[in-house]
Amino acid sequence: MAVIDGALIVICGIGCAVGYLLSTAGIVGKADVYAAASVLVAINFVLLTTVQQGYRIKTIIDLPRTFRMTLATWTGLFGALLAIAFTMKVSEDFSRGATISFYLAGLFLLLAWKTAAARWTARALRTGAFANGRAIMIAEFGLATSSNAVEDLGQHGYRLMRVMEVPAKQLASPLLLSSLAPRLEELITYAREHRIEHVFLLINWSRQHAIDSILDALKILPVPVHLVPDSNTARFLRYPLVGTGNTFTAELRRAPLTWRERALKRALDLAGASLALFVFAPVMLVTALLIKLTSPGPVFFRQTRHGFGGRAFRIFKFRTMRVLEDGPTIRQAQKDDPRVTPIGKWLRKTSIDELPQLLNVLKGDMSLVGPRPHAAAHNNEYEQIIGNYAFRHHVKPGITGWAQVNGYRGETNTLDLMQKRVELDLWYINNWKLWLDILIIMRTAFISLGQSKAY
């Protein structure tokens, strides 16, 4: 994988330089300089990707992560090398057209190659092509079939030569070793004859005596012994492991963002909201005039919502209805709702009615990205019937969010829809990164005009 990355970069660098110079100047000058620069870029890219563990199988098949890593590494590398070239006063040796074409073509080729590699690797994993490590498993009866551990091990480099199942009643017996001795001896002999490289124990973690006893019996084999998490333990180990002194804990729920993360998010909010207000100022002015000319009432609609920590604030929106509901009973907009004004229907369809919330972002009540805030009446209702609903308030609410770009936008007329929206909101909170906000903003820009669920 690393060799192919390097080769693609070198070929692309030289090819772009030759092609651009021939098409513009008719000659190729300083070909050795471009070749050396291409090799330098290739070496640095491969090293940076290696440091980020980008060539591990788990990373290769995770295409979104691979794309993010490739884009960030490729862009950062070009920026750093251009800065170095400028500082050393050698930038005049390189054509700007050739450099830009190298950046764009190289990025395209790398992403295309990594897409193909991810698909091929995933297919190879499914067929067990990488299952070369010979292994045996001692499993509690029933766990080998009910757990996906056997299949997962087969897909990630281990070939299970034999599985020895032990009844739960026998594992619970204090005389386990004596009753299991003949089978263990046979398994040890099998391991020696077939050059077994790994032993896996798939036993309920509460059976400490059984695990210690079997581990003691296997000490004669000079191979590693792995304890596979049972189903109850595995669901907790999916969470990040955090070191607290000499003890490691599974972070089942992360705290609100750290001050550094909040600073980064706030910087993006201020920059993004200021730029958006500048760009959309004409649209907002025309919208305000249309609202005033087509229906009686104020231009803006303000309603109480709950933000970070459950604190109440007043949200700004362009008025799209003939009513201004903000009390204990609020009815969500529905399809063909007679309360929606003619211009309001179009504003809601295009999400232009949300633009005044940029003012909420500048005030600090909201963020560009986060869980969408609901009316106070709905908020109180959902907190009573959805157990983890309140965790949405661990970050500031947003103009757009992870749930919205995944199709959960508009009316939530069933409890299942709201639960799915909450589930996506909590995933966003627990996995927040700056790039995720940028991704959501970009996806929002692409889908806003084509969204059919808002009315």
Protein backbone atom coordinates (compact mmCIF):
# COMPACT_ATOMS: atom_id res chain seq x y z
CA MET A 1 0.00 0.00 0.00
CA ALA A 2 2.77 2.45 0.95
CA VAL A 3 4.78 1.51 -2.16
CA ILE A 4 1.79 2.13 -4.42
CA ASP A 5 1.10 5.47 -2.71
CA GLY A 6 4.69 6.53 -3.30
CA ALA A 7 4.74 5.34 -6.91
CA LEU A 8 1.47 7.12 -7.72
CA ILE A 9 2.75 10.38 -6.25
CA VAL A 10 6.06 10.26 -8.14
CA ILE A 11 4.39 9.36 -11.45
CA CYS A 12 1.73 12.01 -10.96
CA GLY A 13 4.27 14.70 -10.03
CA ILE A 14 6.47 14.07 -13.01
CA GLY A 15 3.51 13.59 -15.35
CA CYS A 16 1.82 16.83 -14.29
CA ALA A 17 5.04 18.82 -14.64
CA VAL A 18 5.84 17.41 -18.09
CA GLY A 19 2.27 17.74 -19.34
CA TYR A 20 1.80 21.31 -18.11
CA LEU A 21 5.17 22.58 -19.35
CA LEU A 22 4.75 20.97 -22.77
CA SER A 23 1.25 22.40 -23.17
CA THR A 24 2.25 25.93 -22.12
CA ALA A 25 5.91 26.36 -23.09
CA GLY A 26 6.47 23.55 -25.55
CA ILE A 27 9.60 22.40 -23.70
CA VAL A 28 10.41 20.54 -20.51
CA GLY A 29 12.93 22.35 -18.38
CA LYS A 30 14.43 21.26 -15.08
CA ALA A 31 12.83 17.80 -15.25
CA ASP A 32 15.27 16.58 -12.59
CA VAL A 33 14.02 19.28 -10.17
CA TYR A 34 10.40 18.16 -10.56
CA ALA A 35 11.37 14.50 -10.23
CA ALA A 36 13.30 15.19 -7.01
CA ALA A 37 10.39 17.24 -5.61
CA SER A 38 7.97 14.43 -6.45
CA VAL A 39 10.13 11.89 -4.63
CA LEU A 40 10.38 14.23 -1.63
CA VAL A 41 6.59 14.61 -1.52
CA ALA A 42 6.11 10.84 -1.84
CA ILE A 43 8.54 10.03 0.99
CA ASN A 44 6.99 12.57 3.34
CA PHE A 45 3.43 11.50 2.53
CA VAL A 46 4.20 7.83 3.18
CA LEU A 47 6.01 8.63 6.43
CA LEU A 48 3.19 10.89 7.70
CA THR A 49 0.57 8.27 6.79
CA THR A 50 2.60 5.58 8.54
CA VAL A 51 2.85 7.67 11.70
CA GLN A 52 -0.95 8.04 11.65
CA GLN A 53 -1.29 4.25 11.28
CA GLY A 54 -2.88 4.77 7.90
CA TYR A 55 -1.60 1.47 6.51
CA ARG A 56 -3.21 -0.73 9.13
CA ILE A 57 -5.99 -2.95 7.78
CA LYS A 58 -8.51 -1.44 10.19
CA THR A 59 -7.74 2.05 8.84
CA ILE A 60 -7.63 1.00 5.19
CA ILE A 61 -11.21 -0.35 5.25
CA ASP A 62 -12.50 2.70 7.15
CA LEU A 63 -12.95 4.80 4.01
CA PRO A 64 -14.24 8.03 5.65
CA ARG A 65 -11.27 8.05 8.03
CA THR A 66 -8.88 7.28 5.16
CA PHE A 67 -10.33 10.14 3.09
CA ARG A 68 -9.97 12.60 5.96
CA MET A 69 -6.42 11.48 6.68
CA THR A 70 -5.41 11.64 3.02
CA LEU A 71 -6.93 15.08 2.46
CA ALA A 72 -5.41 16.54 5.62
CA THR A 73 -1.98 14.98 5.06
CA TRP A 74 -1.79 15.87 1.36
CA THR A 75 -2.93 19.46 1.89
CA GLY A 76 -0.77 20.01 4.96
CA LEU A 77 2.26 18.53 3.22
CA PHE A 78 1.89 20.81 0.20
CA GLY A 79 1.42 23.83 2.44
CA ALA A 80 4.53 23.00 4.46
CA LEU A 81 6.71 22.31 1.42
CA LEU A 82 5.58 25.50 -0.32
CA ALA A 83 6.37 27.48 2.82
CA ILE A 84 9.83 25.89 2.97
CA ALA A 85 10.41 26.58 -0.73
CA PHE A 86 9.40 30.23 -0.25
CA THR A 87 11.62 30.62 2.83
CA MET A 88 14.61 29.12 1.01
CA LYS A 89 13.89 31.25 -2.08
CA VAL A 90 13.62 28.27 -4.43
CA SER A 91 9.90 28.64 -5.21
CA GLU A 92 10.72 30.39 -8.51
CA ASP A 93 12.10 27.07 -9.78
CA PHE A 94 8.58 25.62 -9.83
CA SER A 95 5.70 26.51 -12.12
CA ARG A 96 2.55 27.46 -10.22
CA GLY A 97 0.40 25.70 -12.83
CA ALA A 98 2.41 22.48 -12.53
CA THR A 99 2.28 22.64 -8.72
CA ILE A 100 -1.48 23.20 -8.61
CA SER A 101 -2.14 20.44 -11.16
CA PHE A 102 0.12 18.10 -9.14
CA TYR A 103 -1.86 18.85 -5.98
CA LEU A 104 -5.27 18.32 -7.60
CA ALA A 105 -4.38 15.31 -9.75
CA GLY A 106 -2.40 13.69 -6.93
CA LEU A 107 -5.27 14.08 -4.49
CA PHE A 108 -7.72 12.61 -7.00
CA LEU A 109 -5.47 9.63 -7.76
CA LEU A 110 -4.80 8.91 -4.08
CA LEU A 111 -8.49 9.03 -3.17
CA ALA A 112 -9.42 6.83 -6.15
CA TRP A 113 -6.70 4.32 -5.28
CA LYS A 114 -7.63 4.22 -1.61
CA THR A 115 -11.30 3.67 -2.51
CA ALA A 116 -10.32 0.68 -4.64
CA ALA A 117 -7.93 -0.60 -1.95
CA ALA A 118 -10.61 -0.33 0.74
CA ARG A 119 -13.09 -2.33 -1.33
CA TRP A 120 -10.53 -4.99 -2.23
CA THR A 121 -9.33 -5.30 1.37
CA ALA A 122 -12.89 -5.54 2.70
CA ARG A 123 -13.66 -8.27 0.18
CA ALA A 124 -10.48 -10.12 1.09
CA LEU A 125 -11.36 -9.94 4.78
CA ARG A 126 -14.81 -11.38 4.12
CA THR A 127 -13.30 -14.33 2.27
CA GLY A 128 -10.62 -14.92 4.92
CA ALA A 129 -7.74 -14.16 2.57
CA PHE A 130 -5.65 -12.73 5.42
CA ALA A 131 -6.36 -15.57 7.84
CA ASN A 132 -2.81 -16.97 8.06
CA GLY A 133 -2.22 -17.08 11.82
CA ARG A 134 -3.03 -20.60 13.07
CA ALA A 135 -5.11 -20.49 16.24
CA ILE A 136 -7.30 -22.59 18.52
CA MET A 137 -10.13 -21.48 20.78
CA ILE A 138 -11.49 -22.71 24.11
CA ALA A 139 -15.06 -21.44 24.36
CA GLU A 140 -17.90 -21.65 26.82
CA PHE A 141 -20.62 -23.78 25.27
CA GLY A 142 -22.86 -21.65 23.03
CA LEU A 143 -20.69 -18.53 22.99
CA ALA A 144 -18.78 -19.53 19.85
CA THR A 145 -21.98 -19.57 17.80
CA SER A 146 -23.74 -16.62 19.45
CA SER A 147 -20.72 -14.31 19.40
CA ASN A 148 -19.29 -12.74 16.24
CA ALA A 149 -15.77 -13.19 17.64
CA VAL A 150 -15.08 -16.33 15.58
CA GLU A 151 -16.00 -14.63 12.31
CA ASP A 152 -14.16 -11.46 13.29
CA LEU A 153 -10.95 -13.35 14.09
CA GLY A 154 -11.16 -15.16 10.77
CA GLN A 155 -11.45 -11.86 8.92
CA HIS A 156 -8.49 -10.25 10.64
CA GLY A 157 -5.62 -12.64 10.21
CA TYR A 158 -6.44 -15.70 12.36
CA ARG A 159 -7.39 -19.13 11.09
CA LEU A 160 -9.19 -21.09 13.80
CA MET A 161 -7.99 -24.66 13.38
CA ARG A 162 -10.04 -26.04 16.23
CA VAL A 163 -12.66 -24.88 18.75
CA MET A 164 -13.07 -26.75 22.04
CA GLU A 165 -16.38 -26.00 23.74
CA VAL A 166 -16.82 -26.50 27.48
CA PRO A 167 -20.28 -26.68 29.15
CA ALA A 168 -21.09 -23.85 31.55
CA LYS A 169 -21.75 -26.35 34.37
CA GLN A 170 -18.25 -27.78 34.00
CA LEU A 171 -16.66 -24.31 33.97
CA ALA A 172 -18.43 -23.50 37.23
CA SER A 173 -17.10 -26.62 38.95
CA PRO A 174 -14.22 -26.22 41.46
CA LEU A 175 -12.81 -29.48 40.02
CA LEU A 176 -12.59 -28.06 36.53
CA LEU A 177 -8.95 -28.99 35.84
CA SER A 178 -9.36 -32.63 36.81
CA SER A 179 -12.49 -33.06 34.70
CA LEU A 180 -11.04 -31.16 31.76
CA ALA A 181 -7.51 -32.57 31.91
CA PRO A 182 -7.87 -35.23 29.14
CA ARG A 183 -9.35 -32.77 26.65
CA LEU A 184 -6.76 -30.11 27.49
CA GLU A 185 -3.90 -32.59 27.03
CA GLU A 186 -5.30 -33.59 23.65
CA LEU A 187 -5.62 -29.92 22.67
CA ILE A 188 -2.02 -29.20 23.75
CA THR A 189 -0.79 -32.12 21.66
CA TYR A 190 -2.80 -30.84 18.70
CA ALA A 191 -1.32 -27.36 19.15
CA ARG A 192 2.23 -28.75 19.09
CA GLU A 193 1.63 -30.93 16.03
CA HIS A 194 -0.02 -28.18 14.01
CA ARG A 195 2.27 -25.36 15.13
CA ILE A 196 -0.52 -23.28 16.63
CA GLU A 197 0.50 -19.65 17.10
CA HIS A 198 -2.37 -18.28 19.22
CA VAL A 199 -4.90 -19.49 21.78
CA PHE A 200 -8.16 -17.62 22.36
CA LEU A 201 -10.38 -17.98 25.42
CA LEU A 202 -14.04 -17.11 24.87
CA ILE A 203 -15.40 -17.51 28.38
CA ASN A 204 -17.70 -15.31 30.44
CA TRP A 205 -15.43 -12.92 32.33
CA SER A 206 -17.25 -13.61 35.59
CA ARG A 207 -15.76 -17.13 35.60
CA GLN A 208 -12.44 -16.04 37.05
CA HIS A 209 -11.60 -19.47 38.53
CA ALA A 210 -12.14 -21.19 35.16
CA ILE A 211 -10.03 -18.64 33.28
CA ASP A 212 -7.15 -18.91 35.77
CA SER A 213 -7.29 -22.72 35.75
CA ILE A 214 -7.24 -23.03 31.96
CA LEU A 215 -4.50 -20.42 31.70
CA ASP A 216 -2.43 -22.41 34.21
CA ALA A 217 -2.93 -25.61 32.20
CA LEU A 218 -1.82 -23.91 28.97
CA LYS A 219 1.40 -22.47 30.40
CA ILE A 220 3.38 -25.31 28.83
CA LEU A 221 2.57 -23.94 25.37
CA PRO A 222 4.95 -21.14 24.31
CA VAL A 223 2.20 -19.17 22.54
CA PRO A 224 0.19 -16.08 23.50
CA VAL A 225 -3.20 -16.62 25.11
CA HIS A 226 -5.90 -14.02 24.43
CA LEU A 227 -9.05 -13.51 26.50
CA VAL A 228 -11.90 -12.52 24.19
CA PRO A 229 -14.50 -10.19 25.76
CA ASP A 230 -17.88 -11.79 26.38
CA SER A 231 -20.97 -10.06 24.99
CA ASN A 232 -21.63 -8.09 28.19
CA THR A 233 -18.06 -6.82 28.44
CA ALA A 234 -17.60 -6.19 24.71
CA ARG A 235 -20.31 -3.55 24.58
CA PHE A 236 -18.42 -1.48 27.18
CA LEU A 237 -14.99 -1.95 25.60
CA ARG A 238 -16.26 -0.32 22.40
CA TYR A 239 -15.97 2.98 24.24
CA PRO A 240 -12.62 4.82 24.48
CA LEU A 241 -10.29 3.55 27.21
CA VAL A 242 -9.02 6.35 29.44
CA GLY A 243 -6.06 6.09 31.79
CA THR A 244 -6.74 7.32 35.32
CA GLY A 245 -3.44 6.72 37.08
CA ASN A 246 -2.71 2.99 37.01
CA THR A 247 -6.35 2.18 36.28
CA PHE A 248 -7.99 2.14 32.87
CA THR A 249 -11.66 2.98 32.55
CA ALA A 250 -14.12 2.78 29.66
CA GLU A 251 -15.47 6.26 29.02
CA LEU A 252 -19.15 5.35 28.66
CA ARG A 253 -20.12 8.97 28.25
CA ARG A 254 -17.70 11.75 27.50
CA ALA A 255 -17.83 15.04 29.35
CA PRO A 256 -18.83 18.23 27.53
CA LEU A 257 -16.11 19.50 25.20
CA THR A 258 -12.81 20.53 26.75
CA TRP A 259 -11.92 24.22 26.80
CA ARG A 260 -9.61 23.71 23.80
CA GLU A 261 -12.36 22.00 21.84
CA ARG A 262 -14.84 24.71 22.81
CA ALA A 263 -12.36 27.37 21.70
CA LEU A 264 -11.88 25.67 18.33
CA LYS A 265 -15.62 25.25 17.86
CA ARG A 266 -16.28 28.86 18.87
CA ALA A 267 -13.62 30.12 16.45
CA LEU A 268 -15.29 28.18 13.62
CA ASP A 269 -18.70 29.54 14.68
CA LEU A 270 -17.56 33.17 14.71
CA ALA A 271 -15.71 32.91 11.40
CA GLY A 272 -18.45 30.90 9.70
CA ALA A 273 -21.37 32.99 10.99
CA SER A 274 -19.65 36.28 10.08
CA LEU A 275 -18.86 35.06 6.58
CA ALA A 276 -22.37 33.65 6.11
CA LEU A 277 -24.01 36.90 7.24
CA PHE A 278 -21.86 38.83 4.75
CA VAL A 279 -22.68 36.43 1.90
CA PHE A 280 -26.40 36.06 2.65
CA ALA A 281 -27.12 39.68 3.63
CA PRO A 282 -28.81 40.43 0.26
CA VAL A 283 -30.89 37.25 0.51
CA MET A 284 -31.97 38.11 4.04
CA LEU A 285 -32.91 41.66 3.03
CA VAL A 286 -35.05 40.44 0.11
CA THR A 287 -36.64 37.80 2.36
CA ALA A 288 -37.57 40.40 4.96
CA LEU A 289 -39.23 42.55 2.28
CA LEU A 290 -41.16 39.58 0.86
CA ILE A 291 -42.46 38.60 4.31
CA LYS A 292 -43.62 42.15 5.01
CA LEU A 293 -45.32 42.51 1.62
CA THR A 294 -47.11 39.12 1.56
CA SER A 295 -48.55 38.74 5.09
CA PRO A 296 -49.26 40.86 8.17
CA GLY A 297 -47.01 40.43 11.16
CA PRO A 298 -43.36 40.79 12.15
CA VAL A 299 -40.45 39.74 9.94
CA PHE A 300 -38.77 37.67 12.64
CA PHE A 301 -40.26 34.90 14.73
CA ARG A 302 -38.76 34.41 18.18
CA GLN A 303 -39.38 31.33 20.27
CA THR A 304 -38.00 29.92 23.54
CA ARG A 305 -35.59 27.03 23.11
CA HIS A 306 -33.21 25.23 25.47
CA GLY A 307 -29.47 25.40 24.86
CA PHE A 308 -26.24 24.30 26.53
CA GLY A 309 -26.92 22.92 30.00
CA GLY A 310 -30.67 23.28 29.45
CA ARG A 311 -30.53 27.08 29.66
CA ALA A 312 -33.37 28.88 27.87
CA PHE A 313 -32.76 31.37 25.05
CA ARG A 314 -34.79 33.05 22.31
CA ILE A 315 -34.16 31.72 18.83
CA PHE A 316 -34.48 33.93 15.73
CA LYS A 317 -36.16 32.74 12.53
CA PHE A 318 -37.85 34.38 9.60
CA ARG A 319 -41.60 34.19 10.17
CA THR A 320 -43.12 31.51 7.94
CA MET A 321 -46.53 31.09 9.61
CA ARG A 322 -49.54 33.21 10.37
CA VAL A 323 -49.23 32.27 14.07
CA LEU A 324 -46.47 32.98 16.62
CA GLU A 325 -46.76 30.01 18.99
CA ASP A 326 -44.52 30.05 22.05
CA GLY A 327 -46.36 28.49 24.96
CA PRO A 328 -47.04 25.18 26.71
CA THR A 329 -48.74 23.74 23.61
CA ILE A 330 -47.06 23.99 20.19
CA ARG A 331 -48.06 22.05 17.10
CA GLN A 332 -45.28 21.13 14.67
CA ALA A 333 -45.60 22.17 11.05
CA GLN A 334 -47.09 19.44 8.91
CA LYS A 335 -47.37 18.83 5.20
CA ASP A 336 -49.78 21.30 3.56
CA ASP A 337 -50.16 23.08 6.91
CA PRO A 338 -52.67 25.96 6.42
CA ARG A 339 -50.78 28.06 8.97
CA VAL A 340 -47.77 28.34 6.65
CA THR A 341 -47.75 31.42 4.43
CA PRO A 342 -47.11 31.07 0.67
CA ILE A 343 -43.67 32.64 0.98
CA GLY A 344 -43.12 30.70 4.21
CA LYS A 345 -43.48 27.38 2.44
CA TRP A 346 -40.63 28.27 0.11
CA LEU A 347 -38.50 29.64 2.93
CA ARG A 348 -38.88 26.43 4.92
CA LYS A 349 -38.20 24.30 1.85
CA THR A 350 -34.91 26.09 1.16
CA SER A 351 -33.99 26.57 4.86
CA ILE A 352 -33.69 30.33 4.31
CA ASP A 353 -35.95 30.77 7.35
CA GLU A 354 -33.04 29.50 9.48
CA LEU A 355 -30.57 32.21 8.41
CA PRO A 356 -31.39 34.64 11.28
CA GLN A 357 -30.04 31.99 13.65
CA LEU A 358 -26.60 33.19 12.57
CA LEU A 359 -27.29 36.03 15.02
CA ASN A 360 -27.85 33.44 17.76
CA VAL A 361 -24.47 31.95 16.83
CA LEU A 362 -22.73 35.31 17.16
CA LYS A 363 -24.47 35.90 20.50
CA GLY A 364 -23.15 32.55 21.75
CA ASP A 365 -26.56 30.89 22.30
CA MET A 366 -26.04 28.50 19.40
CA SER A 367 -23.35 26.91 17.26
CA LEU A 368 -23.26 26.39 13.51
CA VAL A 369 -23.39 22.65 14.14
CA GLY A 370 -25.06 20.78 16.98
CA PRO A 371 -28.33 19.10 17.96
CA ARG A 372 -31.28 21.08 16.63
CA PRO A 373 -33.08 22.88 19.48
CA HIS A 374 -36.76 22.08 19.87
CA ALA A 375 -39.51 24.31 21.21
CA ALA A 376 -39.56 24.38 25.01
CA ALA A 377 -42.92 22.56 25.11
CA HIS A 378 -41.60 19.71 22.96
CA ASN A 379 -38.32 19.68 24.87
CA ASN A 380 -40.08 19.08 28.18
CA GLU A 381 -42.28 16.39 26.62
CA TYR A 382 -39.42 14.43 25.07
CA GLU A 383 -37.30 14.58 28.24
CA GLN A 384 -40.06 12.61 29.97
CA ILE A 385 -40.40 9.83 27.39
CA ILE A 386 -36.86 9.48 25.93
CA GLY A 387 -34.39 8.52 28.64
CA ASN A 388 -31.20 9.98 27.14
CA TYR A 389 -32.79 13.02 25.52
CA ALA A 390 -31.32 15.45 28.06
CA PHE A 391 -27.75 14.57 26.99
CA ARG A 392 -28.34 16.64 23.84
CA HIS A 393 -27.74 19.68 26.04
CA HIS A 394 -24.08 18.74 26.60
CA VAL A 395 -23.18 20.98 23.65
CA LYS A 396 -24.69 24.13 22.19
CA PRO A 397 -27.61 23.54 19.81
CA GLY A 398 -26.87 24.08 16.14
CA ILE A 399 -28.38 25.52 12.98
CA THR A 400 -27.67 22.15 11.39
CA GLY A 401 -26.57 18.83 12.82
CA TRP A 402 -25.56 15.23 12.23
CA ALA A 403 -29.18 14.07 12.40
CA GLN A 404 -30.28 16.64 9.81
CA VAL A 405 -27.66 15.71 7.20
CA ASN A 406 -28.60 12.05 7.69
CA GLY A 407 -32.23 12.64 6.72
CA TYR A 408 -33.85 13.38 10.09
CA ARG A 409 -35.04 16.89 9.42
CA GLY A 410 -38.49 18.44 9.67
CA GLU A 411 -41.50 16.93 11.37
CA THR A 412 -40.99 14.14 13.93
CA ASN A 413 -44.51 12.77 14.06
CA THR A 414 -43.57 9.44 15.67
CA LEU A 415 -41.54 8.55 18.74
CA ASP A 416 -39.26 6.32 16.65
CA LEU A 417 -38.23 9.27 14.46
CA MET A 418 -37.36 11.37 17.49
CA GLN A 419 -35.43 8.52 19.11
CA LYS A 420 -33.40 8.07 15.93
CA ARG A 421 -32.70 11.81 15.83
CA VAL A 422 -31.57 11.74 19.46
CA GLU A 423 -29.36 8.71 18.76
CA LEU A 424 -27.59 10.57 15.95
CA ASP A 425 -27.25 13.71 18.09
CA LEU A 426 -25.60 11.71 20.88
CA TRP A 427 -23.23 10.08 18.40
CA TYR A 428 -22.19 13.56 17.27
CA ILE A 429 -21.57 14.70 20.86
CA ASN A 430 -19.52 11.61 21.75
CA ASN A 431 -17.45 11.75 18.54
CA TRP A 432 -17.01 15.50 18.07
CA LYS A 433 -14.04 16.69 16.05
CA LEU A 434 -13.52 19.97 14.20
CA TRP A 435 -13.47 18.16 10.85
CA LEU A 436 -16.90 16.69 11.67
CA ASP A 437 -18.39 20.19 11.97
CA ILE A 438 -16.82 21.16 8.64
CA LEU A 439 -18.16 17.97 7.01
CA ILE A 440 -21.68 18.62 8.30
CA ILE A 441 -21.61 22.23 7.08
CA MET A 442 -20.51 21.08 3.62
CA ARG A 443 -23.16 18.35 3.47
CA THR A 444 -25.81 20.84 4.62
CA ALA A 445 -24.89 23.20 1.79
CA PHE A 446 -25.32 20.40 -0.76
CA ILE A 447 -28.62 18.97 0.48
CA SER A 448 -30.52 22.06 1.68
CA LEU A 449 -32.10 22.90 -1.67
CA GLY A 450 -33.00 19.29 -2.39
CA GLN A 451 -34.42 18.47 1.02
CA SER A 452 -38.05 17.32 0.77
CA LYS A 453 -38.85 16.72 4.44
CA ALA A 454 -39.21 20.35 5.44
CA TYR A 455 -42.58 22.03 5.13
